[in-house]
Amino acid sequence: MKHARIVLSMLALPLALGLAACDKAAETSAPSGAALPKVAPPAGKVWGNVVEKTPEGGFRMGNPKAPITVLEFGSMTCSHCAEFAEQSSAELRDNFVASGRVNFEFRNFVRDPIDITSALLARCGTPEGFFPLTDQMFANQADLFKKVNDAGQAAQDAAMNQPDAKRFIAIGELTGLTEFVSARGIAKDQANACLANLDEAKNLAQRTKEDGEKYEITGTPTMIVNGTKFEGGWPELKAHLETLGAR
């Protein structure tokens, strides 16, 4: 099947690919606009805790009818994505999303077997847990890479040579990701069940292929603001959101 070919071709990539560099977007200017009114969240809630899975396979935080939409295509093994998350997550959530004027969607753009393993585990809990766990995985990225390197090539090959249904479970053990999420509320049995879900792995690979073609994604993170690709880091994106009225 087509889906199977896509994911199996990705499975053939070496674990070391997770250490490869990812593209960093260039800076551009942005137009200005009038300030927008804040939108109150539902009673007893804050917009940062309003999270839903989108039909396109991402997770969206905030007011679903917000006038400003931010979509990130990110890879869990991309160092620039980890840097962007570190710089942006708190302010994006507590300032822009909290105002009800901006919502933020993250879609996993998987590049390698470790990336797929991370994405499967980040999606294994509740929708509300996706963003905190994703941020924590990004913060743990350097330790993850070290653990993989320290394991050595023989251990990497052994994990990759497991049968399809056991491969991501083996990678989860090798990288320490299964233990990492177990310490954060996702029991090992639950984690392993998610890692054995080849249909979801195939869906991640297929969506990556389709989104890459649709949005002409050449590197991560790639940001789409109100349907238009935006190039720049967090300082530039923050300024752009402000000029669009989120101030």
C-alpha atoms as a PDB file:
ATOM      1  CA  MET A   1       0.000   0.000   0.000  1.00  0.00           C
ATOM      2  CA  LYS A   2       1.089   3.602  -0.634  1.00  0.00           C
ATOM      3  CA  HIS A   3       0.967   4.548   3.074  1.00  0.00           C
ATOM      4  CA  ALA A   4       3.069   1.547   4.000  1.00  0.00           C
ATOM      5  CA  ARG A   5       5.735   2.441   1.426  1.00  0.00           C
ATOM      6  CA  ILE A   6       5.995   5.964   2.812  1.00  0.00           C
ATOM      7  CA  VAL A   7       6.488   4.940   6.418  1.00  0.00           C
ATOM      8  CA  LEU A   8       8.734   1.992   5.607  1.00  0.00           C
ATOM      9  CA  SER A   9      11.018   4.221   3.542  1.00  0.00           C
ATOM     10  CA  MET A  10      11.280   6.512   6.555  1.00  0.00           C
ATOM     11  CA  LEU A  11      11.934   3.545   8.819  1.00  0.00           C
ATOM     12  CA  ALA A  12      14.925   2.674   6.688  1.00  0.00           C
ATOM     13  CA  LEU A  13      16.639   5.938   7.647  1.00  0.00           C
ATOM     14  CA  PRO A  14      19.363   5.610  10.301  1.00  0.00           C
ATOM     15  CA  LEU A  15      18.677   6.756  13.838  1.00  0.00           C
ATOM     16  CA  ALA A  16      21.612   9.147  13.506  1.00  0.00           C
ATOM     17  CA  LEU A  17      19.547  11.202  11.061  1.00  0.00           C
ATOM     18  CA  GLY A  18      17.854  12.654  14.116  1.00  0.00           C
ATOM     19  CA  LEU A  19      21.083  14.533  14.790  1.00  0.00           C
ATOM     20  CA  ALA A  20      21.155  16.208  11.382  1.00  0.00           C
ATOM     21  CA  ALA A  21      20.748  19.959  11.101  1.00  0.00           C
ATOM     22  CA  CYS A  22      17.410  21.453  10.124  1.00  0.00           C
ATOM     23  CA  ASP A  23      16.897  24.621   8.161  1.00  0.00           C
ATOM     24  CA  LYS A  24      16.440  27.909   9.944  1.00  0.00           C
ATOM     25  CA  ALA A  25      14.104  30.377   8.303  1.00  0.00           C
ATOM     26  CA  ALA A  26      15.269  33.788   7.172  1.00  0.00           C
ATOM     27  CA  GLU A  27      13.875  37.061   8.467  1.00  0.00           C
ATOM     28  CA  THR A  28      11.272  39.161   6.635  1.00  0.00           C
ATOM     29  CA  SER A  29       9.272  42.271   7.354  1.00  0.00           C
ATOM     30  CA  ALA A  30       5.558  42.232   8.163  1.00  0.00           C
ATOM     31  CA  PRO A  31       2.575  44.513   7.486  1.00  0.00           C
ATOM     32  CA  SER A  32       0.835  46.490  10.206  1.00  0.00           C
ATOM     33  CA  GLY A  33      -2.831  46.467  11.239  1.00  0.00           C
ATOM     34  CA  ALA A  34      -5.282  47.805  13.779  1.00  0.00           C
ATOM     35  CA  ALA A  35      -5.331  46.463  17.339  1.00  0.00           C
ATOM     36  CA  LEU A  36      -7.867  43.694  17.910  1.00  0.00           C
ATOM     37  CA  PRO A  37     -10.085  43.316  20.980  1.00  0.00           C
ATOM     38  CA  LYS A  38      -9.384  40.524  23.424  1.00  0.00           C
ATOM     39  CA  VAL A  39     -11.795  37.567  23.472  1.00  0.00           C
ATOM     40  CA  ALA A  40     -12.808  36.079  26.813  1.00  0.00           C
ATOM     41  CA  PRO A  41     -12.392  32.296  27.208  1.00  0.00           C
ATOM     42  CA  PRO A  42     -15.236  29.993  28.307  1.00  0.00           C
ATOM     43  CA  ALA A  43     -16.190  30.380  31.960  1.00  0.00           C
ATOM     44  CA  GLY A  44     -13.655  28.811  34.303  1.00  0.00           C
ATOM     45  CA  LYS A  45     -11.028  28.281  31.594  1.00  0.00           C
ATOM     46  CA  VAL A  46      -8.026  29.982  30.047  1.00  0.00           C
ATOM     47  CA  TRP A  47      -7.416  29.798  26.330  1.00  0.00           C
ATOM     48  CA  GLY A  48      -4.026  28.134  26.832  1.00  0.00           C
ATOM     49  CA  ASN A  49      -5.784  25.074  28.244  1.00  0.00           C
ATOM     50  CA  VAL A  50      -8.337  24.842  25.429  1.00  0.00           C
ATOM     51  CA  VAL A  51      -6.746  22.271  23.111  1.00  0.00           C
ATOM     52  CA  GLU A  52      -8.209  20.093  20.377  1.00  0.00           C
ATOM     53  CA  LYS A  53      -6.903  17.755  17.726  1.00  0.00           C
ATOM     54  CA  THR A  54      -7.510  19.166  14.265  1.00  0.00           C
ATOM     55  CA  PRO A  55      -8.851  17.233  11.266  1.00  0.00           C
ATOM     56  CA  GLU A  56      -5.442  17.731   9.640  1.00  0.00           C
ATOM     57  CA  GLY A  57      -3.733  15.811  12.445  1.00  0.00           C
ATOM     58  CA  GLY A  58      -2.309  18.718  14.419  1.00  0.00           C
ATOM     59  CA  PHE A  59      -3.120  20.034  17.878  1.00  0.00           C
ATOM     60  CA  ARG A  60      -4.568  23.528  18.220  1.00  0.00           C
ATOM     61  CA  MET A  61      -4.400  25.657  21.350  1.00  0.00           C
ATOM     62  CA  GLY A  62      -6.667  28.604  22.051  1.00  0.00           C
ATOM     63  CA  ASN A  63      -9.744  30.264  20.619  1.00  0.00           C
ATOM     64  CA  PRO A  64     -10.751  28.183  17.574  1.00  0.00           C
ATOM     65  CA  LYS A  65     -12.328  31.317  16.052  1.00  0.00           C
ATOM     66  CA  ALA A  66      -9.351  33.594  16.731  1.00  0.00           C
ATOM     67  CA  PRO A  67      -8.757  36.136  13.936  1.00  0.00           C
ATOM     68  CA  ILE A  68      -5.028  35.298  13.868  1.00  0.00           C
ATOM     69  CA  THR A  69      -3.924  31.722  13.286  1.00  0.00           C
ATOM     70  CA  VAL A  70      -0.391  30.418  13.684  1.00  0.00           C
ATOM     71  CA  LEU A  71       0.503  26.989  12.324  1.00  0.00           C
ATOM     72  CA  GLU A  72       3.903  25.453  12.991  1.00  0.00           C
ATOM     73  CA  PHE A  73       5.325  22.464  11.193  1.00  0.00           C
ATOM     74  CA  GLY A  74       7.976  21.190  13.568  1.00  0.00           C
ATOM     75  CA  SER A  75      10.282  18.216  13.948  1.00  0.00           C
ATOM     76  CA  MET A  76      11.079  16.788  17.362  1.00  0.00           C
ATOM     77  CA  THR A  77      14.669  16.123  16.225  1.00  0.00           C
ATOM     78  CA  CYS A  78      15.236  19.627  14.850  1.00  0.00           C
ATOM     79  CA  SER A  79      17.509  21.803  16.981  1.00  0.00           C
ATOM     80  CA  HIS A  80      16.030  25.031  15.587  1.00  0.00           C
ATOM     81  CA  CYS A  81      12.549  23.791  16.525  1.00  0.00           C
ATOM     82  CA  ALA A  82      13.763  23.172  20.073  1.00  0.00           C
ATOM     83  CA  GLU A  83      15.277  26.664  20.147  1.00  0.00           C
ATOM     84  CA  PHE A  84      12.043  28.189  18.858  1.00  0.00           C
ATOM     85  CA  ALA A  85      10.005  26.314  21.482  1.00  0.00           C
ATOM     86  CA  GLU A  86      12.293  27.495  24.267  1.00  0.00           C
ATOM     87  CA  GLN A  87      12.028  31.114  23.148  1.00  0.00           C
ATOM     88  CA  SER A  88       8.355  31.247  22.257  1.00  0.00           C
ATOM     89  CA  SER A  89       6.204  28.762  24.189  1.00  0.00           C
ATOM     90  CA  ALA A  90       5.511  30.675  27.402  1.00  0.00           C
ATOM     91  CA  GLU A  91       4.945  34.061  25.798  1.00  0.00           C
ATOM     92  CA  LEU A  92       2.944  32.668  22.895  1.00  0.00           C
ATOM     93  CA  ARG A  93       0.660  30.820  25.332  1.00  0.00           C
ATOM     94  CA  ASP A  94       0.406  33.342  28.158  1.00  0.00           C
ATOM     95  CA  ASN A  95       0.213  36.509  26.093  1.00  0.00           C
ATOM     96  CA  PHE A  96      -0.973  35.937  22.550  1.00  0.00           C
ATOM     97  CA  VAL A  97      -3.103  32.789  22.877  1.00  0.00           C
ATOM     98  CA  ALA A  98      -4.440  33.889  26.275  1.00  0.00           C
ATOM     99  CA  SER A  99      -5.840  37.048  24.687  1.00  0.00           C
ATOM    100  CA  GLY A 100      -8.181  35.016  22.471  1.00  0.00           C
ATOM    101  CA  ARG A 101      -6.839  36.874  19.441  1.00  0.00           C
ATOM    102  CA  VAL A 102      -4.394  34.144  18.386  1.00  0.00           C
ATOM    103  CA  ASN A 103      -4.591  30.386  18.180  1.00  0.00           C
ATOM    104  CA  PHE A 104      -1.611  28.109  17.695  1.00  0.00           C
ATOM    105  CA  GLU A 105      -1.532  24.758  15.939  1.00  0.00           C
ATOM    106  CA  PHE A 106       1.443  22.387  15.930  1.00  0.00           C
ATOM    107  CA  ARG A 107       1.745  19.648  13.338  1.00  0.00           C
ATOM    108  CA  ASN A 108       4.469  17.044  13.602  1.00  0.00           C
ATOM    109  CA  PHE A 109       6.636  17.120  10.487  1.00  0.00           C
ATOM    110  CA  VAL A 110       8.431  13.808  10.936  1.00  0.00           C
ATOM    111  CA  ARG A 111      11.907  13.359   9.450  1.00  0.00           C
ATOM    112  CA  ASP A 112      13.302  10.148  10.927  1.00  0.00           C
ATOM    113  CA  PRO A 113      12.477   7.172  13.200  1.00  0.00           C
ATOM    114  CA  ILE A 114      13.261   9.032  16.449  1.00  0.00           C
ATOM    115  CA  ASP A 115      11.012  11.865  15.278  1.00  0.00           C
ATOM    116  CA  ILE A 116       8.138   9.429  14.658  1.00  0.00           C
ATOM    117  CA  THR A 117       8.707   7.797  18.055  1.00  0.00           C
ATOM    118  CA  SER A 118       8.594  11.195  19.786  1.00  0.00           C
ATOM    119  CA  ALA A 119       5.462  12.224  17.917  1.00  0.00           C
ATOM    120  CA  LEU A 120       3.646   8.988  18.735  1.00  0.00           C
ATOM    121  CA  LEU A 121       4.411   9.439  22.437  1.00  0.00           C
ATOM    122  CA  ALA A 122       3.489  13.141  22.516  1.00  0.00           C
ATOM    123  CA  ARG A 123       0.094  12.163  21.086  1.00  0.00           C
ATOM    124  CA  CYS A 124      -0.382   9.280  23.501  1.00  0.00           C
ATOM    125  CA  GLY A 125      -2.022  11.229  26.320  1.00  0.00           C
ATOM    126  CA  THR A 126      -4.874  13.702  26.409  1.00  0.00           C
ATOM    127  CA  PRO A 127      -5.045  16.619  23.934  1.00  0.00           C
ATOM    128  CA  GLU A 128      -4.403  18.980  26.852  1.00  0.00           C
ATOM    129  CA  GLY A 129      -1.155  17.159  27.579  1.00  0.00           C
ATOM    130  CA  PHE A 130       0.230  17.445  24.049  1.00  0.00           C
ATOM    131  CA  PHE A 131       1.796  20.903  24.271  1.00  0.00           C
ATOM    132  CA  PRO A 132       3.409  20.521  27.729  1.00  0.00           C
ATOM    133  CA  LEU A 133       4.872  17.147  26.757  1.00  0.00           C
ATOM    134  CA  THR A 134       6.088  18.438  23.395  1.00  0.00           C
ATOM    135  CA  ASP A 135       7.814  21.380  25.094  1.00  0.00           C
ATOM    136  CA  GLN A 136       9.447  19.028  27.603  1.00  0.00           C
ATOM    137  CA  MET A 137      10.646  16.763  24.788  1.00  0.00           C
ATOM    138  CA  PHE A 138      12.218  19.738  23.043  1.00  0.00           C
ATOM    139  CA  ALA A 139      13.931  20.730  26.295  1.00  0.00           C
ATOM    140  CA  ASN A 140      15.237  17.159  26.596  1.00  0.00           C
ATOM    141  CA  GLN A 141      16.494  17.008  23.010  1.00  0.00           C
ATOM    142  CA  ALA A 142      20.217  17.332  23.765  1.00  0.00           C
ATOM    143  CA  ASP A 143      20.041  14.561  26.370  1.00  0.00           C
ATOM    144  CA  LEU A 144      18.154  12.364  23.916  1.00  0.00           C
ATOM    145  CA  PHE A 145      20.821  12.826  21.239  1.00  0.00           C
ATOM    146  CA  LYS A 146      23.551  12.022  23.751  1.00  0.00           C
ATOM    147  CA  LYS A 147      21.778   8.865  24.869  1.00  0.00           C
ATOM    148  CA  VAL A 148      21.488   7.670  21.264  1.00  0.00           C
ATOM    149  CA  ASN A 149      25.144   8.387  20.548  1.00  0.00           C
ATOM    150  CA  ASP A 150      26.264   6.729  23.774  1.00  0.00           C
ATOM    151  CA  ALA A 151      24.233   3.606  22.944  1.00  0.00           C
ATOM    152  CA  GLY A 152      26.442   2.971  19.935  1.00  0.00           C
ATOM    153  CA  GLN A 153      25.813   1.804  16.401  1.00  0.00           C
ATOM    154  CA  ALA A 154      25.171  -1.839  17.303  1.00  0.00           C
ATOM    155  CA  ALA A 155      22.321  -0.928  19.673  1.00  0.00           C
ATOM    156  CA  GLN A 156      20.882   1.486  17.100  1.00  0.00           C
ATOM    157  CA  ASP A 157      20.964  -1.196  14.427  1.00  0.00           C
ATOM    158  CA  ALA A 158      19.345  -3.720  16.772  1.00  0.00           C
ATOM    159  CA  ALA A 159      16.437  -1.346  17.438  1.00  0.00           C
ATOM    160  CA  MET A 160      15.975  -0.572  13.754  1.00  0.00           C
ATOM    161  CA  ASN A 161      16.035  -4.264  12.817  1.00  0.00           C
ATOM    162  CA  GLN A 162      13.078  -5.127  15.035  1.00  0.00           C
ATOM    163  CA  PRO A 163       9.824  -6.218  13.328  1.00  0.00           C
ATOM    164  CA  ASP A 164       7.644  -3.297  12.255  1.00  0.00           C
ATOM    165  CA  ALA A 165       5.249  -3.566  15.215  1.00  0.00           C
ATOM    166  CA  LYS A 166       8.137  -3.556  17.714  1.00  0.00           C
ATOM    167  CA  ARG A 167      10.534  -1.087  16.078  1.00  0.00           C
ATOM    168  CA  PHE A 168       9.245   2.105  17.688  1.00  0.00           C
ATOM    169  CA  ILE A 169       8.969   0.343  21.050  1.00  0.00           C
ATOM    170  CA  ALA A 170      12.661  -0.566  20.755  1.00  0.00           C
ATOM    171  CA  ILE A 171      13.543   3.009  19.754  1.00  0.00           C
ATOM    172  CA  GLY A 172      11.539   4.308  22.705  1.00  0.00           C
ATOM    173  CA  GLU A 173      13.621   2.161  25.027  1.00  0.00           C
ATOM    174  CA  LEU A 174      16.931   2.998  23.346  1.00  0.00           C
ATOM    175  CA  THR A 175      16.348   6.751  23.470  1.00  0.00           C
ATOM    176  CA  GLY A 176      14.853   6.777  26.959  1.00  0.00           C
ATOM    177  CA  LEU A 177      11.684   8.357  25.575  1.00  0.00           C
ATOM    178  CA  THR A 178       9.420   5.677  27.018  1.00  0.00           C
ATOM    179  CA  GLU A 179      10.875   6.239  30.470  1.00  0.00           C
ATOM    180  CA  PHE A 180      10.687  10.012  29.914  1.00  0.00           C
ATOM    181  CA  VAL A 181       6.936  10.009  29.245  1.00  0.00           C
ATOM    182  CA  SER A 182       6.300   7.416  31.969  1.00  0.00           C
ATOM    183  CA  ALA A 183       7.604   9.950  34.466  1.00  0.00           C
ATOM    184  CA  ARG A 184       5.062  12.409  33.065  1.00  0.00           C
ATOM    185  CA  GLY A 185       1.857  10.427  33.364  1.00  0.00           C
ATOM    186  CA  ILE A 186       1.911   8.030  30.412  1.00  0.00           C
ATOM    187  CA  ALA A 187       2.347   4.503  31.752  1.00  0.00           C
ATOM    188  CA  LYS A 188       4.772   2.191  29.978  1.00  0.00           C
ATOM    189  CA  ASP A 189       2.030  -0.163  28.757  1.00  0.00           C
ATOM    190  CA  GLN A 190       0.106   2.793  27.348  1.00  0.00           C
ATOM    191  CA  ALA A 191       3.247   4.192  25.726  1.00  0.00           C
ATOM    192  CA  ASN A 192       4.105   0.858  24.126  1.00  0.00           C
ATOM    193  CA  ALA A 193       0.572   0.513  22.766  1.00  0.00           C
ATOM    194  CA  CYS A 194       0.935   3.916  21.117  1.00  0.00           C
ATOM    195  CA  LEU A 195       4.344   2.982  19.718  1.00  0.00           C
ATOM    196  CA  ALA A 196       2.910  -0.222  18.235  1.00  0.00           C
ATOM    197  CA  ASN A 197       0.215   1.765  16.373  1.00  0.00           C
ATOM    198  CA  LEU A 198       1.589   1.519  12.837  1.00  0.00           C
ATOM    199  CA  ASP A 199      -1.530   3.120  11.362  1.00  0.00           C
ATOM    200  CA  GLU A 200      -0.790   6.321  13.270  1.00  0.00           C
ATOM    201  CA  ALA A 201       2.875   6.138  12.220  1.00  0.00           C
ATOM    202  CA  LYS A 202       1.796   5.799   8.600  1.00  0.00           C
ATOM    203  CA  ASN A 203      -0.604   8.717   9.001  1.00  0.00           C
ATOM    204  CA  LEU A 204       2.190  10.903  10.375  1.00  0.00           C
ATOM    205  CA  ALA A 205       4.429  10.042   7.429  1.00  0.00           C
ATOM    206  CA  GLN A 206       1.638  10.566   4.906  1.00  0.00           C
ATOM    207  CA  ARG A 207       0.612  13.917   6.389  1.00  0.00           C
ATOM    208  CA  THR A 208       4.230  15.033   6.367  1.00  0.00           C
ATOM    209  CA  LYS A 209       4.475  14.191   2.675  1.00  0.00           C
ATOM    210  CA  GLU A 210       1.213  15.950   1.828  1.00  0.00           C
ATOM    211  CA  ASP A 211       1.898  19.040   3.931  1.00  0.00           C
ATOM    212  CA  GLY A 212       5.436  19.268   2.592  1.00  0.00           C
ATOM    213  CA  GLU A 213       4.089  19.408  -0.947  1.00  0.00           C
ATOM    214  CA  LYS A 214       1.165  21.718  -0.158  1.00  0.00           C
ATOM    215  CA  TYR A 215       3.166  24.304   1.772  1.00  0.00           C
ATOM    216  CA  GLU A 216       6.504  23.760  -0.013  1.00  0.00           C
ATOM    217  CA  ILE A 217       8.254  22.999   3.274  1.00  0.00           C
ATOM    218  CA  THR A 218      12.016  22.815   2.895  1.00  0.00           C
ATOM    219  CA  GLY A 219      13.025  23.044   6.568  1.00  0.00           C
ATOM    220  CA  THR A 220      11.697  23.178  10.086  1.00  0.00           C
ATOM    221  CA  PRO A 221      10.272  25.010  11.843  1.00  0.00           C
ATOM    222  CA  THR A 222       8.003  26.368   9.121  1.00  0.00           C
ATOM    223  CA  MET A 223       5.385  28.873  10.257  1.00  0.00           C
ATOM    224  CA  ILE A 224       2.102  29.659   8.503  1.00  0.00           C
ATOM    225  CA  VAL A 225       0.327  32.806   9.727  1.00  0.00           C
ATOM    226  CA  ASN A 226      -3.238  33.336   8.522  1.00  0.00           C
ATOM    227  CA  GLY A 227      -2.565  30.947   5.671  1.00  0.00           C
ATOM    228  CA  THR A 228       0.660  32.605   4.508  1.00  0.00           C
ATOM    229  CA  LYS A 229       4.167  31.265   5.075  1.00  0.00           C
ATOM    230  CA  PHE A 230       6.124  33.430   7.498  1.00  0.00           C
ATOM    231  CA  GLU A 231       9.911  33.468   7.592  1.00  0.00           C
ATOM    232  CA  GLY A 232      11.686  34.491  10.764  1.00  0.00           C
ATOM    233  CA  GLY A 233      12.390  33.477  14.353  1.00  0.00           C
ATOM    234  CA  TRP A 234      10.359  34.200  17.455  1.00  0.00           C
ATOM    235  CA  PRO A 235      11.283  37.913  17.755  1.00  0.00           C
ATOM    236  CA  GLU A 236      10.143  38.473  14.167  1.00  0.00           C
ATOM    237  CA  LEU A 237       6.994  36.388  14.602  1.00  0.00           C
ATOM    238  CA  LYS A 238       6.128  38.203  17.827  1.00  0.00           C
ATOM    239  CA  ALA A 239       6.472  41.571  16.081  1.00  0.00           C
ATOM    240  CA  HIS A 240       4.385  40.280  13.171  1.00  0.00           C
ATOM    241  CA  LEU A 241       1.569  39.150  15.479  1.00  0.00           C
ATOM    242  CA  GLU A 242       1.585  42.554  17.115  1.00  0.00           C
ATOM    243  CA  THR A 243       1.334  44.328  13.783  1.00  0.00           C
ATOM    244  CA  LEU A 244      -1.622  42.069  12.911  1.00  0.00           C
ATOM    245  CA  GLY A 245      -3.430  43.418  15.973  1.00  0.00           C
ATOM    246  CA  ALA A 246      -2.428  41.105  18.836  1.00  0.00           C
ATOM    247  CA  ARG A 247      -1.270  43.916  21.134  1.00  0.00           C
END
